[in-house]
Structure formats: C-alpha cells, structure tokens
Amino acid sequence: MFSDILEWISALPLLGALFSILMNVGVAITGVLPSAFITVGTIAVFDMNWGLFILIIGEAAGAVVSFILYRKGISRLFSIFPKNQNKDNKFLLKLKNAEGTTAFFIVILLRILPFVPSGAVTLTAAFSKMGLLSFSLASTLGKIPALIIEAYTISEALKLKTEIQIGIILLVSVIFLLYLTWKRRVN
C-alpha cells in the first residue's frame, strides 16, 4: 500500500508536494501530532534536496496558519493544551511577555530546541505581543536546522537494508518503552 502511494505521488510531483505541504499544515494546526511521518514520505518521494525544500515550505505554512487560527481563538474552542502546561517552561513564559527582537530570538531558540513542542511555541507566540511577520520569519529560521538534521537522518536511513531499518525501529521502540517505564516509576 505504501509503495502504491509513493508511486502515485511520484507520477504527480506537484500534487505530491502540495499534499506534503497540506499535511504539514494539518499537523501544525493540531499542535500535538508529530510530523516525522510526513518527513519520511516527502524525502522518500522527492529525495533530500527537493524534499527538504518542500518540508520547509510546509513547516512555515503550518506555523503561519496555526498562529493565525490560535490568535483568532480556535485554541479556546478545542483546548489543545492544558492551561498549566506553559507555566513550567521559563522560555515559553518569557515569550508570552516578550515583543520585538526579544520575541523573535526566543522563537528561533525554541524552534531549534528539540524538546519544546512546536505547538506550544506557536500557541504561546499567538497569545504574545509578537506580530505574524516576525513570528513566521523566526519560526522558519529556527526550524531549518532541525529539518536539515531530520531530513538527512531519514534520507540515510532509507538507504539501509529493510532488516536494518526494522532493527532500528525495534531498538528505538524498546528504548522508548524503557523510558516510559522509568518515568512512571520516578513519578
């Protein structure tokens, strides 16, 4: 099935690129879904360079659309994030009260950091005094390094034999389950 989808998208590259961009927008709007599966599909179809270009456009479009929707109040309707979630992160608190150049550089920093959910950054920025243009520039600039690393890693992983790919997936799954078990015991 996956190969059929890749074949269809490869035959219609413009539609494939548009599909990837729209998927990124959808993931950004939810604020909680990971975009790694979009990265895998896009890199598999379009190779590293074109795939990365399409992913950057998709991430930027997703950030802008979700920023606008959050600012207009959609986050209140769907309660994507608990009210207390942003209180624990000092950078998100700084962003909420920042404006101008300070807000710009905080968004870049938060986008580069892998452990800060991008939905939380967008939501906090939407409720801050930051403007759409400065947010979209900072968000895109901050996301590019992470996308390069992610796209390169996936590009290289796709070149591995299927057995090695399955082994890596199993290893990562076991490590993740061990982490969850450890986290439950600590809490």
N, C-alpha and C. Protein backbone atom coordinates (compact mmCIF):
# COMPACT_ATOMS: atom_id res chain seq x y z
N MET A 1 0.83 -1.20 0.00
CA MET A 1 0.00 0.00 0.00
C MET A 1 0.87 1.26 0.00
N PHE A 2 1.89 1.27 0.89
CA PHE A 2 2.77 2.43 0.97
C PHE A 2 3.48 2.66 -0.36
N SER A 3 3.89 1.56 -1.01
CA SER A 3 4.58 1.69 -2.30
C SER A 3 3.64 2.21 -3.37
N ASP A 4 2.35 1.85 -3.29
CA ASP A 4 1.36 2.37 -4.25
C ASP A 4 1.20 3.88 -4.10
N ILE A 5 1.15 4.34 -2.86
CA ILE A 5 1.02 5.78 -2.60
C ILE A 5 2.25 6.52 -3.11
N LEU A 6 3.45 5.97 -2.82
CA LEU A 6 4.69 6.60 -3.30
C LEU A 6 4.73 6.64 -4.82
N GLU A 7 4.27 5.57 -5.47
CA GLU A 7 4.24 5.52 -6.93
C GLU A 7 3.30 6.58 -7.50
N TRP A 8 2.13 6.72 -6.89
CA TRP A 8 1.14 7.70 -7.33
C TRP A 8 1.68 9.12 -7.17
N ILE A 9 2.28 9.40 -6.03
CA ILE A 9 2.83 10.74 -5.78
C ILE A 9 4.01 11.02 -6.70
N SER A 10 4.84 10.01 -6.97
CA SER A 10 5.98 10.19 -7.87
C SER A 10 5.52 10.54 -9.28
N ALA A 11 4.38 10.00 -9.69
CA ALA A 11 3.85 10.29 -11.02
C ALA A 11 3.28 11.70 -11.12
N LEU A 12 2.86 12.26 -10.00
CA LEU A 12 2.28 13.60 -9.97
C LEU A 12 3.02 14.44 -8.93
N PRO A 13 4.25 14.87 -9.22
CA PRO A 13 5.07 15.52 -8.19
C PRO A 13 4.48 16.82 -7.63
N LEU A 14 3.80 17.60 -8.46
CA LEU A 14 3.21 18.84 -7.96
C LEU A 14 2.12 18.56 -6.93
N LEU A 15 1.28 17.56 -7.22
CA LEU A 15 0.25 17.18 -6.26
C LEU A 15 0.87 16.57 -5.01
N GLY A 16 1.95 15.82 -5.18
CA GLY A 16 2.65 15.25 -4.03
C GLY A 16 3.21 16.32 -3.12
N ALA A 17 3.81 17.35 -3.73
CA ALA A 17 4.36 18.46 -2.94
C ALA A 17 3.24 19.20 -2.21
N LEU A 18 2.15 19.45 -2.91
CA LEU A 18 1.00 20.13 -2.30
C LEU A 18 0.42 19.29 -1.15
N PHE A 19 0.34 17.98 -1.35
CA PHE A 19 -0.15 17.07 -0.32
C PHE A 19 0.74 17.13 0.92
N SER A 20 2.05 17.12 0.71
CA SER A 20 3.00 17.19 1.83
C SER A 20 2.84 18.50 2.60
N ILE A 21 2.72 19.59 1.87
CA ILE A 21 2.56 20.91 2.50
C ILE A 21 1.26 20.96 3.30
N LEU A 22 0.16 20.47 2.70
CA LEU A 22 -1.13 20.48 3.40
C LEU A 22 -1.11 19.57 4.63
N MET A 23 -0.41 18.45 4.54
CA MET A 23 -0.28 17.57 5.71
C MET A 23 0.48 18.29 6.83
N ASN A 24 1.54 19.02 6.48
CA ASN A 24 2.29 19.78 7.48
C ASN A 24 1.41 20.84 8.13
N VAL A 25 0.57 21.49 7.33
CA VAL A 25 -0.35 22.50 7.88
C VAL A 25 -1.31 21.83 8.86
N GLY A 26 -1.87 20.69 8.47
CA GLY A 26 -2.79 19.97 9.35
C GLY A 26 -2.15 19.55 10.67
N VAL A 27 -0.93 19.04 10.58
CA VAL A 27 -0.20 18.63 11.79
C VAL A 27 0.07 19.84 12.68
N ALA A 28 0.45 20.95 12.07
CA ALA A 28 0.74 22.17 12.85
C ALA A 28 -0.52 22.69 13.55
N ILE A 29 -1.65 22.61 12.88
CA ILE A 29 -2.90 23.09 13.48
C ILE A 29 -3.26 22.27 14.71
N THR A 30 -3.08 20.95 14.64
CA THR A 30 -3.41 20.12 15.81
C THR A 30 -2.50 20.46 16.97
N GLY A 31 -1.26 20.76 16.68
CA GLY A 31 -0.32 21.15 17.73
C GLY A 31 0.27 20.00 18.52
N VAL A 32 -0.21 18.78 18.30
CA VAL A 32 0.27 17.65 19.10
C VAL A 32 0.78 16.47 18.27
N LEU A 33 0.43 16.40 17.00
CA LEU A 33 0.87 15.28 16.17
C LEU A 33 2.31 15.49 15.71
N PRO A 34 3.10 14.43 15.67
CA PRO A 34 4.47 14.56 15.15
C PRO A 34 4.46 14.60 13.62
N SER A 35 5.39 15.34 13.05
CA SER A 35 5.46 15.46 11.59
C SER A 35 6.50 14.53 10.97
N ALA A 36 7.07 13.64 11.75
CA ALA A 36 8.13 12.76 11.25
C ALA A 36 7.65 11.89 10.09
N PHE A 37 6.40 11.40 10.16
CA PHE A 37 5.89 10.56 9.07
C PHE A 37 5.79 11.35 7.76
N ILE A 38 5.51 12.64 7.84
CA ILE A 38 5.47 13.48 6.64
C ILE A 38 6.88 13.63 6.08
N THR A 39 7.85 13.80 6.97
CA THR A 39 9.24 13.92 6.54
C THR A 39 9.68 12.66 5.82
N VAL A 40 9.36 11.50 6.36
CA VAL A 40 9.75 10.23 5.73
C VAL A 40 9.16 10.13 4.32
N GLY A 41 7.87 10.37 4.19
CA GLY A 41 7.22 10.27 2.88
C GLY A 41 7.77 11.28 1.89
N THR A 42 7.97 12.50 2.33
CA THR A 42 8.45 13.55 1.44
C THR A 42 9.87 13.27 0.97
N ILE A 43 10.74 12.84 1.87
CA ILE A 43 12.12 12.53 1.49
C ILE A 43 12.16 11.29 0.59
N ALA A 44 11.30 10.30 0.87
CA ALA A 44 11.26 9.08 0.06
C ALA A 44 10.85 9.39 -1.38
N VAL A 45 9.94 10.34 -1.55
CA VAL A 45 9.44 10.66 -2.89
C VAL A 45 10.32 11.66 -3.62
N PHE A 46 10.76 12.70 -2.93
CA PHE A 46 11.40 13.82 -3.61
C PHE A 46 12.92 13.89 -3.43
N ASP A 47 13.54 13.02 -2.74
CA ASP A 47 14.97 13.00 -2.40
C ASP A 47 15.28 14.08 -1.37
N MET A 48 16.53 14.16 -0.99
CA MET A 48 16.94 15.04 0.12
C MET A 48 16.71 16.52 -0.20
N ASN A 49 17.20 17.00 -1.33
CA ASN A 49 17.16 18.45 -1.61
C ASN A 49 15.75 18.98 -1.83
N TRP A 50 15.02 18.39 -2.79
CA TRP A 50 13.66 18.85 -3.05
C TRP A 50 12.74 18.58 -1.86
N GLY A 51 12.94 17.43 -1.24
CA GLY A 51 12.14 17.09 -0.06
C GLY A 51 12.32 18.10 1.05
N LEU A 52 13.56 18.48 1.30
CA LEU A 52 13.85 19.47 2.35
C LEU A 52 13.19 20.81 2.01
N PHE A 53 13.28 21.22 0.76
CA PHE A 53 12.66 22.47 0.31
C PHE A 53 11.14 22.43 0.55
N ILE A 54 10.51 21.33 0.17
CA ILE A 54 9.06 21.18 0.36
C ILE A 54 8.70 21.15 1.84
N LEU A 55 9.52 20.48 2.64
CA LEU A 55 9.27 20.41 4.08
C LEU A 55 9.38 21.78 4.75
N ILE A 56 10.35 22.58 4.32
CA ILE A 56 10.49 23.93 4.88
C ILE A 56 9.26 24.77 4.56
N ILE A 57 8.80 24.68 3.31
CA ILE A 57 7.58 25.41 2.92
C ILE A 57 6.40 24.93 3.77
N GLY A 58 6.27 23.62 3.93
CA GLY A 58 5.16 23.07 4.71
C GLY A 58 5.20 23.47 6.17
N GLU A 59 6.39 23.42 6.76
CA GLU A 59 6.53 23.83 8.17
C GLU A 59 6.22 25.31 8.34
N ALA A 60 6.71 26.13 7.42
CA ALA A 60 6.46 27.58 7.50
C ALA A 60 4.96 27.86 7.34
N ALA A 61 4.34 27.23 6.34
CA ALA A 61 2.90 27.44 6.12
C ALA A 61 2.10 26.96 7.32
N GLY A 62 2.47 25.82 7.87
CA GLY A 62 1.78 25.29 9.04
C GLY A 62 1.89 26.21 10.24
N ALA A 63 3.07 26.75 10.46
CA ALA A 63 3.27 27.67 11.59
C ALA A 63 2.43 28.93 11.42
N VAL A 64 2.40 29.47 10.21
CA VAL A 64 1.64 30.71 9.96
C VAL A 64 0.14 30.46 10.12
N VAL A 65 -0.37 29.40 9.50
CA VAL A 65 -1.80 29.11 9.59
C VAL A 65 -2.22 28.84 11.03
N SER A 66 -1.44 28.02 11.74
CA SER A 66 -1.81 27.73 13.13
C SER A 66 -1.70 28.96 14.02
N PHE A 67 -0.70 29.81 13.77
CA PHE A 67 -0.57 31.06 14.52
C PHE A 67 -1.82 31.92 14.35
N ILE A 68 -2.27 32.06 13.10
CA ILE A 68 -3.46 32.87 12.82
C ILE A 68 -4.69 32.26 13.49
N LEU A 69 -4.86 30.95 13.35
CA LEU A 69 -6.03 30.29 13.95
C LEU A 69 -6.00 30.38 15.48
N TYR A 70 -4.82 30.15 16.06
CA TYR A 70 -4.72 30.24 17.52
C TYR A 70 -5.03 31.65 17.98
N ARG A 71 -4.50 32.62 17.26
CA ARG A 71 -4.73 34.01 17.65
C ARG A 71 -6.21 34.36 17.56
N LYS A 72 -6.92 33.79 16.60
CA LYS A 72 -8.35 34.09 16.45
C LYS A 72 -9.21 33.32 17.44
N GLY A 73 -8.61 32.44 18.20
CA GLY A 73 -9.36 31.80 19.26
C GLY A 73 -9.70 30.34 19.10
N ILE A 74 -9.20 29.70 18.07
CA ILE A 74 -9.55 28.28 17.89
C ILE A 74 -9.01 27.43 19.03
N SER A 75 -7.92 27.85 19.64
CA SER A 75 -7.35 27.06 20.74
C SER A 75 -8.29 27.02 21.94
N ARG A 76 -9.08 28.07 22.13
CA ARG A 76 -10.06 28.08 23.22
C ARG A 76 -11.17 27.07 22.96
N LEU A 77 -11.57 26.94 21.69
CA LEU A 77 -12.66 26.03 21.35
C LEU A 77 -12.27 24.57 21.52
N PHE A 78 -11.05 24.23 21.13
CA PHE A 78 -10.64 22.83 21.13
C PHE A 78 -9.75 22.45 22.30
N SER A 79 -9.31 23.40 23.11
CA SER A 79 -8.48 23.15 24.30
C SER A 79 -7.33 22.20 23.99
N ILE A 80 -6.50 22.58 23.05
CA ILE A 80 -5.40 21.72 22.62
C ILE A 80 -4.39 21.51 23.74
N PHE A 81 -4.13 22.54 24.52
CA PHE A 81 -3.14 22.43 25.59
C PHE A 81 -3.79 22.72 26.94
N PRO A 82 -3.39 21.98 27.96
CA PRO A 82 -3.88 22.32 29.30
C PRO A 82 -3.41 23.71 29.71
N LYS A 83 -4.19 24.37 30.55
CA LYS A 83 -3.86 25.75 30.93
C LYS A 83 -2.54 25.86 31.67
N ASN A 84 -2.14 24.87 32.41
CA ASN A 84 -0.93 24.95 33.22
C ASN A 84 0.33 24.50 32.50
N GLN A 85 0.21 24.01 31.25
CA GLN A 85 1.38 23.43 30.59
C GLN A 85 2.51 24.44 30.39
N ASN A 86 2.21 25.67 30.04
CA ASN A 86 3.26 26.64 29.75
C ASN A 86 3.91 27.21 31.00
N LYS A 87 3.35 26.97 32.18
CA LYS A 87 3.90 27.55 33.40
C LYS A 87 5.24 26.94 33.79
N ASP A 88 5.53 25.72 33.32
CA ASP A 88 6.76 25.04 33.70
C ASP A 88 7.96 25.45 32.85
N ASN A 89 7.75 26.01 31.69
CA ASN A 89 8.85 26.32 30.79
C ASN A 89 9.16 27.81 30.84
N LYS A 90 10.33 28.15 31.36
CA LYS A 90 10.67 29.57 31.53
C LYS A 90 10.79 30.30 30.19
N PHE A 91 11.21 29.57 29.13
CA PHE A 91 11.32 30.22 27.82
C PHE A 91 9.94 30.57 27.26
N LEU A 92 8.96 29.66 27.44
CA LEU A 92 7.61 29.95 26.97
C LEU A 92 7.00 31.12 27.74
N LEU A 93 7.27 31.19 29.04
CA LEU A 93 6.79 32.34 29.83
C LEU A 93 7.42 33.64 29.35
N LYS A 94 8.73 33.59 29.05
CA LYS A 94 9.40 34.79 28.53
C LYS A 94 8.80 35.21 27.19
N LEU A 95 8.53 34.22 26.33
CA LEU A 95 7.95 34.53 25.03
C LEU A 95 6.58 35.18 25.17
N LYS A 96 5.77 34.67 26.08
CA LYS A 96 4.42 35.22 26.25
C LYS A 96 4.46 36.70 26.58
N ASN A 97 5.47 37.14 27.32
CA ASN A 97 5.57 38.54 27.73
C ASN A 97 6.52 39.36 26.86
N ALA A 98 7.15 38.73 25.87
CA ALA A 98 8.15 39.42 25.05
C ALA A 98 7.52 40.07 23.83
N GLU A 99 8.29 40.98 23.25
CA GLU A 99 7.89 41.59 21.98
C GLU A 99 9.15 42.01 21.24
N GLY A 100 8.99 42.34 19.96
CA GLY A 100 10.11 42.83 19.16
C GLY A 100 11.21 41.80 18.97
N THR A 101 12.45 42.29 19.02
CA THR A 101 13.63 41.46 18.78
C THR A 101 13.75 40.33 19.79
N THR A 102 13.40 40.60 21.03
CA THR A 102 13.48 39.58 22.07
C THR A 102 12.58 38.40 21.72
N ALA A 103 11.34 38.67 21.36
CA ALA A 103 10.40 37.60 20.99
C ALA A 103 10.91 36.84 19.76
N PHE A 104 11.46 37.57 18.80
CA PHE A 104 12.00 36.97 17.57
C PHE A 104 13.05 35.92 17.90
N PHE A 105 14.02 36.29 18.74
CA PHE A 105 15.11 35.36 19.07
C PHE A 105 14.66 34.24 20.00
N ILE A 106 13.67 34.49 20.83
CA ILE A 106 13.14 33.41 21.68
C ILE A 106 12.47 32.34 20.81
N VAL A 107 11.71 32.77 19.80
CA VAL A 107 11.06 31.80 18.90
C VAL A 107 12.11 30.99 18.15
N ILE A 108 13.16 31.64 17.66
CA ILE A 108 14.23 30.90 16.97
C ILE A 108 14.82 29.85 17.91
N LEU A 109 15.13 30.25 19.13
CA LEU A 109 15.71 29.32 20.11
C LEU A 109 14.76 28.16 20.40
N LEU A 110 13.49 28.46 20.61
CA LEU A 110 12.53 27.41 20.93
C LEU A 110 12.30 26.45 19.77
N ARG A 111 12.40 26.94 18.54
CA ARG A 111 12.24 26.07 17.37
C ARG A 111 13.45 25.15 17.19
N ILE A 112 14.62 25.64 17.56
CA ILE A 112 15.84 24.82 17.43
C ILE A 112 15.87 23.72 18.49
N LEU A 113 15.40 24.02 19.70
CA LEU A 113 15.43 23.05 20.79
C LEU A 113 14.47 21.90 20.50
N PRO A 114 14.96 20.66 20.50
CA PRO A 114 14.11 19.53 20.12
C PRO A 114 13.08 19.12 21.16
N PHE A 115 13.26 19.51 22.42
CA PHE A 115 12.36 19.03 23.47
C PHE A 115 11.20 19.98 23.74
N VAL A 116 11.09 21.08 23.02
CA VAL A 116 9.97 22.01 23.19
C VAL A 116 8.99 21.76 22.04
N PRO A 117 7.76 21.34 22.34
CA PRO A 117 6.78 21.08 21.28
C PRO A 117 6.48 22.33 20.46
N SER A 118 6.52 22.19 19.14
CA SER A 118 6.30 23.36 18.29
C SER A 118 4.89 23.92 18.45
N GLY A 119 3.92 23.06 18.76
CA GLY A 119 2.57 23.56 19.01
C GLY A 119 2.51 24.49 20.21
N ALA A 120 3.28 24.18 21.24
CA ALA A 120 3.33 25.04 22.43
C ALA A 120 3.98 26.38 22.10
N VAL A 121 5.01 26.35 21.25
CA VAL A 121 5.68 27.60 20.84
C VAL A 121 4.70 28.47 20.06
N THR A 122 4.01 27.87 19.10
CA THR A 122 3.06 28.63 18.27
C THR A 122 1.93 29.19 19.11
N LEU A 123 1.38 28.37 19.99
CA LEU A 123 0.28 28.82 20.84
C LEU A 123 0.71 29.97 21.74
N THR A 124 1.88 29.84 22.35
CA THR A 124 2.38 30.91 23.23
C THR A 124 2.64 32.18 22.44
N ALA A 125 3.25 32.04 21.26
CA ALA A 125 3.52 33.21 20.42
C ALA A 125 2.22 33.88 19.98
N ALA A 126 1.20 33.08 19.71
CA ALA A 126 -0.09 33.64 19.28
C ALA A 126 -0.73 34.48 20.37
N PHE A 127 -0.49 34.12 21.62
CA PHE A 127 -1.05 34.89 22.73
C PHE A 127 -0.09 35.97 23.22
N SER A 128 1.06 36.10 22.58
CA SER A 128 2.02 37.14 22.96
C SER A 128 1.75 38.40 22.14
N LYS A 129 2.64 39.36 22.27
CA LYS A 129 2.51 40.62 21.52
C LYS A 129 3.21 40.55 20.17
N MET A 130 3.74 39.39 19.83
CA MET A 130 4.52 39.20 18.61
C MET A 130 3.62 39.29 17.38
N GLY A 131 4.14 39.91 16.31
CA GLY A 131 3.40 40.02 15.07
C GLY A 131 3.57 38.79 14.19
N LEU A 132 2.69 38.64 13.20
CA LEU A 132 2.70 37.48 12.32
C LEU A 132 3.99 37.41 11.50
N LEU A 133 4.44 38.52 10.94
CA LEU A 133 5.64 38.51 10.09
C LEU A 133 6.87 38.09 10.88
N SER A 134 7.08 38.69 12.04
CA SER A 134 8.26 38.33 12.83
C SER A 134 8.16 36.89 13.32
N PHE A 135 6.95 36.42 13.67
CA PHE A 135 6.80 35.03 14.08
C PHE A 135 7.13 34.09 12.94
N SER A 136 6.59 34.35 11.75
CA SER A 136 6.81 33.43 10.63
C SER A 136 8.28 33.37 10.23
N LEU A 137 8.97 34.51 10.25
CA LEU A 137 10.40 34.50 9.94
C LEU A 137 11.20 33.75 11.00
N ALA A 138 10.96 34.06 12.26
CA ALA A 138 11.70 33.41 13.34
C ALA A 138 11.40 31.91 13.39
N SER A 139 10.15 31.55 13.20
CA SER A 139 9.76 30.15 13.24
C SER A 139 10.45 29.37 12.12
N THR A 140 10.45 29.92 10.93
CA THR A 140 11.08 29.24 9.79
C THR A 140 12.58 29.15 9.97
N LEU A 141 13.22 30.24 10.37
CA LEU A 141 14.67 30.23 10.58
C LEU A 141 15.07 29.23 11.67
N GLY A 142 14.28 29.15 12.71
CA GLY A 142 14.58 28.22 13.79
C GLY A 142 14.34 26.77 13.42
N LYS A 143 13.39 26.53 12.54
CA LYS A 143 13.04 25.15 12.17
C LYS A 143 13.98 24.56 11.13
N ILE A 144 14.64 25.39 10.33
CA ILE A 144 15.51 24.89 9.26
C ILE A 144 16.61 23.96 9.77
N PRO A 145 17.37 24.30 10.81
CA PRO A 145 18.41 23.36 11.27
C PRO A 145 17.85 22.01 11.70
N ALA A 146 16.73 22.02 12.40
CA ALA A 146 16.12 20.76 12.83
C ALA A 146 15.64 19.94 11.63
N LEU A 147 15.08 20.61 10.63
CA LEU A 147 14.62 19.91 9.43
C LEU A 147 15.78 19.32 8.65
N ILE A 148 16.89 20.04 8.58
CA ILE A 148 18.06 19.52 7.86
C ILE A 148 18.55 18.23 8.53
N ILE A 149 18.66 18.26 9.85
CA ILE A 149 19.11 17.06 10.57
C ILE A 149 18.12 15.92 10.39
N GLU A 150 16.84 16.21 10.55
CA GLU A 150 15.80 15.19 10.42
C GLU A 150 15.77 14.61 9.00
N ALA A 151 15.81 15.48 7.99
CA ALA A 151 15.76 15.02 6.60
C ALA A 151 17.00 14.20 6.24
N TYR A 152 18.17 14.64 6.69
CA TYR A 152 19.40 13.90 6.40
C TYR A 152 19.38 12.53 7.05
N THR A 153 18.95 12.48 8.30
CA THR A 153 18.88 11.20 9.02
C THR A 153 17.93 10.24 8.31
N ILE A 154 16.77 10.74 7.91
CA ILE A 154 15.79 9.89 7.23
C ILE A 154 16.31 9.48 5.86
N SER A 155 16.93 10.39 5.15
CA SER A 155 17.50 10.08 3.84
C SER A 155 18.51 8.94 3.93
N GLU A 156 19.37 9.00 4.93
CA GLU A 156 20.36 7.94 5.12
C GLU A 156 19.71 6.64 5.60
N ALA A 157 18.71 6.75 6.45
CA ALA A 157 18.02 5.55 6.95
C ALA A 157 17.29 4.82 5.83
N LEU A 158 16.75 5.58 4.87
CA LEU A 158 16.04 4.96 3.75
C LEU A 158 16.99 4.18 2.84
N LYS A 159 18.28 4.46 2.91
CA LYS A 159 19.27 3.75 2.10
C LYS A 159 19.67 2.41 2.73
N LEU A 160 19.32 2.20 3.99
CA LEU A 160 19.68 0.96 4.68
C LEU A 160 18.81 -0.20 4.21
N LYS A 161 19.30 -1.42 4.42
CA LYS A 161 18.52 -2.61 4.10
C LYS A 161 17.29 -2.65 5.01
N THR A 162 16.24 -3.30 4.54
CA THR A 162 15.00 -3.39 5.29
C THR A 162 15.20 -4.01 6.67
N GLU A 163 16.04 -5.04 6.75
CA GLU A 163 16.28 -5.70 8.04
C GLU A 163 16.89 -4.74 9.05
N ILE A 164 17.80 -3.91 8.60
CA ILE A 164 18.44 -2.94 9.50
C ILE A 164 17.43 -1.87 9.91
N GLN A 165 16.58 -1.43 8.98
CA GLN A 165 15.54 -0.45 9.31
C GLN A 165 14.60 -1.00 10.39
N ILE A 166 14.19 -2.26 10.22
CA ILE A 166 13.30 -2.89 11.22
C ILE A 166 14.01 -2.99 12.56
N GLY A 167 15.28 -3.36 12.53
CA GLY A 167 16.06 -3.45 13.77
C GLY A 167 16.15 -2.12 14.49
N ILE A 168 16.37 -1.05 13.74
CA ILE A 168 16.45 0.29 14.33
C ILE A 168 15.11 0.68 14.94
N ILE A 169 14.02 0.41 14.22
CA ILE A 169 12.69 0.73 14.73
C ILE A 169 12.41 -0.03 16.02
N LEU A 170 12.76 -1.31 16.04
CA LEU A 170 12.56 -2.11 17.26
C LEU A 170 13.41 -1.59 18.41
N LEU A 171 14.66 -1.25 18.14
CA LEU A 171 15.55 -0.73 19.17
C LEU A 171 15.01 0.58 19.76
N VAL A 172 14.60 1.48 18.88
CA VAL A 172 14.05 2.76 19.34
C VAL A 172 12.77 2.53 20.14
N SER A 173 11.93 1.59 19.70
CA SER A 173 10.69 1.29 20.42
C SER A 173 10.98 0.75 21.82
N VAL A 174 11.95 -0.15 21.93
CA VAL A 174 12.32 -0.70 23.24
C VAL A 174 12.86 0.40 24.15
N ILE A 175 13.73 1.24 23.61
CA ILE A 175 14.28 2.35 24.40
C ILE A 175 13.16 3.28 24.86
N PHE A 176 12.21 3.57 23.98
CA PHE A 176 11.09 4.43 24.34
C PHE A 176 10.23 3.80 25.44
N LEU A 177 9.95 2.50 25.32
CA LEU A 177 9.17 1.82 26.35
C LEU A 177 9.91 1.79 27.68
N LEU A 178 11.22 1.58 27.65
CA LEU A 178 12.01 1.63 28.88
C LEU A 178 11.96 3.02 29.51
N TYR A 179 12.02 4.04 28.67
CA TYR A 179 11.92 5.42 29.16
C TYR A 179 10.57 5.67 29.83
N LEU A 180 9.49 5.23 29.19
CA LEU A 180 8.16 5.41 29.77
C LEU A 180 8.03 4.67 31.10
N THR A 181 8.58 3.46 31.17
CA THR A 181 8.55 2.69 32.42
C THR A 181 9.33 3.42 33.51
N TRP A 182 10.50 3.89 33.17
CA TRP A 182 11.33 4.64 34.13
C TRP A 182 10.62 5.90 34.60
N LYS A 183 9.99 6.61 33.67
CA LYS A 183 9.30 7.86 34.01
C LYS A 183 8.14 7.60 34.97
N ARG A 184 7.41 6.50 34.76
CA ARG A 184 6.30 6.16 35.65
C ARG A 184 6.80 5.85 37.06
N ARG A 185 7.92 5.18 37.15
CA ARG A 185 8.47 4.83 38.46
C ARG A 185 8.96 6.07 39.20
N VAL A 186 9.53 7.01 38.46
CA VAL A 186 10.03 8.25 39.08
C VAL A 186 8.88 9.08 39.60
N ASN A 187 7.79 9.15 38.84
CA ASN A 187 6.63 9.94 39.25
C ASN A 187 5.81 9.15 40.22
